[in-house]
Each structure stands twice: as structure tokens, then as C-alpha cells.
Amino acid sequence: MEDNMAVNRKGTSTKVASLAADTLFKPGSSQIARKLAGSALSQSKTNRQTGAKMEDLASKVLRSDRYSEKTKTLAASVLSQSNKKR
């Protein structure tokens, strides 16, 4: 049985979901931005949590100076929805 304290019930906000959708449809979006956008959208209005690989990617994006503020916003949203035990 899953420990309720480890479950993260946060979801993607409407603003971030809109940014994620725009990122997916924008031809110039990077592969990393698209991955983060897909993850953020998949967690919109669901109880899904971020997987370990996406947590790692989002963490690396946030620590880097290479990525735009929009990509970092997506990364922060994805990371905030991670499993609390990890």
C-alpha cells in the first residue's frame, strides 16, 4: 500500500499547461523543452507524478544557464510534481 505522505497531489497549473502546449506546437522548441512540456501536460488534471528520469532532467535544466526562463518554468513545474520520497 502506498504511503499517503509520499504522494504529491500537485498538478500543472492552467498557465503552465498553456505554456507547455505552446512549446509543443512551436517549431523552434528544443527537444528538452518538448520533453518537459509533455510531462507537464500529462500531469494536468491528473494525480500522475513525475518519474525519476524526468526529475533528473528537470533538475539539470534548473541548475544550468543554458535554458530559457520558459524552459525553466516547465522544469520547475515538473519537478514540483515529483514523488516526495525521492
Protein backbone atom coordinates (compact mmCIF):
# COMPACT_ATOMS: atom_id res chain seq x y z
CA MET A 1 0.00 0.00 0.00
CA GLU A 2 1.26 3.45 -0.89
CA ASP A 3 2.30 5.82 1.90
CA ASN A 4 -0.01 8.85 1.66
CA MET A 5 2.75 11.13 2.94
CA ALA A 6 4.83 10.28 -0.16
CA VAL A 7 2.11 11.09 -2.66
CA ASN A 8 2.42 14.51 -4.24
CA ARG A 9 -1.00 15.82 -5.20
CA LYS A 10 0.20 18.91 -7.05
CA GLY A 11 -0.87 19.35 -10.66
CA THR A 12 0.09 21.52 -13.58
CA SER A 13 -1.49 24.97 -13.42
CA THR A 14 -3.53 26.33 -16.32
CA LYS A 15 -0.81 28.89 -17.04
CA VAL A 16 1.94 26.26 -17.21
CA ALA A 17 -0.29 23.90 -19.22
CA SER A 18 -0.80 26.70 -21.76
CA LEU A 19 2.95 27.31 -21.91
CA ALA A 20 3.51 23.57 -22.36
CA ALA A 21 1.01 23.39 -25.22
CA ASP A 22 2.62 26.40 -26.91
CA THR A 23 6.04 24.78 -26.51
CA LEU A 24 4.89 21.55 -28.12
CA PHE A 25 3.43 23.36 -31.14
CA LYS A 26 6.25 25.87 -31.61
CA PRO A 27 8.55 24.59 -34.38
CA GLY A 28 11.72 26.02 -32.79
CA SER A 29 11.29 24.41 -29.37
CA SER A 30 14.20 22.30 -28.17
CA GLN A 31 13.86 18.58 -27.58
CA ILE A 32 14.37 19.11 -23.85
CA ALA A 33 11.68 21.80 -23.70
CA ARG A 34 9.31 19.46 -25.55
CA LYS A 35 10.02 16.60 -23.12
CA LEU A 36 9.32 18.86 -20.15
CA ALA A 37 6.20 20.25 -21.81
CA GLY A 38 4.88 16.75 -22.49
CA SER A 39 5.49 15.73 -18.90
CA ALA A 40 3.81 18.86 -17.55
CA LEU A 41 0.76 18.35 -19.79
CA SER A 42 0.47 14.68 -18.86
CA GLN A 43 0.16 15.76 -15.22
CA SER A 44 -2.51 18.36 -15.86
CA LYS A 45 -5.77 17.48 -14.10
CA THR A 46 -4.46 14.06 -13.03
CA ASN A 47 -2.79 12.52 -10.00
CA ARG A 48 0.26 11.48 -12.02
CA GLN A 49 3.70 12.16 -10.60
CA THR A 50 6.98 12.90 -12.31
CA GLY A 51 9.19 9.87 -12.97
CA ALA A 52 12.79 9.66 -11.79
CA LYS A 53 14.28 10.32 -15.25
CA MET A 54 12.21 13.45 -15.75
CA GLU A 55 13.09 14.62 -12.23
CA ASP A 56 16.76 14.32 -13.14
CA LEU A 57 16.29 16.18 -16.43
CA ALA A 58 14.26 18.96 -14.79
CA SER A 59 16.86 19.34 -12.05
CA LYS A 60 19.68 19.66 -14.59
CA VAL A 61 17.72 22.30 -16.54
CA LEU A 62 17.13 24.37 -13.41
CA ARG A 63 20.83 24.27 -12.48
CA SER A 64 22.01 25.27 -15.96
CA ASP A 65 22.42 28.72 -17.50
CA ARG A 66 21.76 27.34 -21.00
CA TYR A 67 17.96 27.25 -20.85
CA SER A 68 15.32 29.96 -21.24
CA GLU A 69 13.04 31.10 -18.45
CA LYS A 70 10.13 29.33 -20.18
CA THR A 71 12.00 26.03 -20.21
CA LYS A 72 12.94 26.54 -16.56
CA THR A 73 9.29 27.24 -15.72
CA LEU A 74 8.34 23.90 -17.27
CA ALA A 75 11.18 22.18 -15.40
CA ALA A 76 10.10 23.71 -12.09
CA SER A 77 6.52 22.57 -12.61
CA VAL A 78 7.61 19.03 -13.47
CA LEU A 79 9.97 18.89 -10.50
CA SER A 80 7.33 20.18 -8.09
CA GLN A 81 5.14 17.21 -9.03
CA SER A 82 7.75 14.59 -8.18
CA ASN A 83 7.42 11.79 -5.69
CA LYS A 84 8.17 13.14 -2.21
CA LYS A 85 10.16 10.05 -1.24
CA ARG A 86 12.77 10.60 -3.96
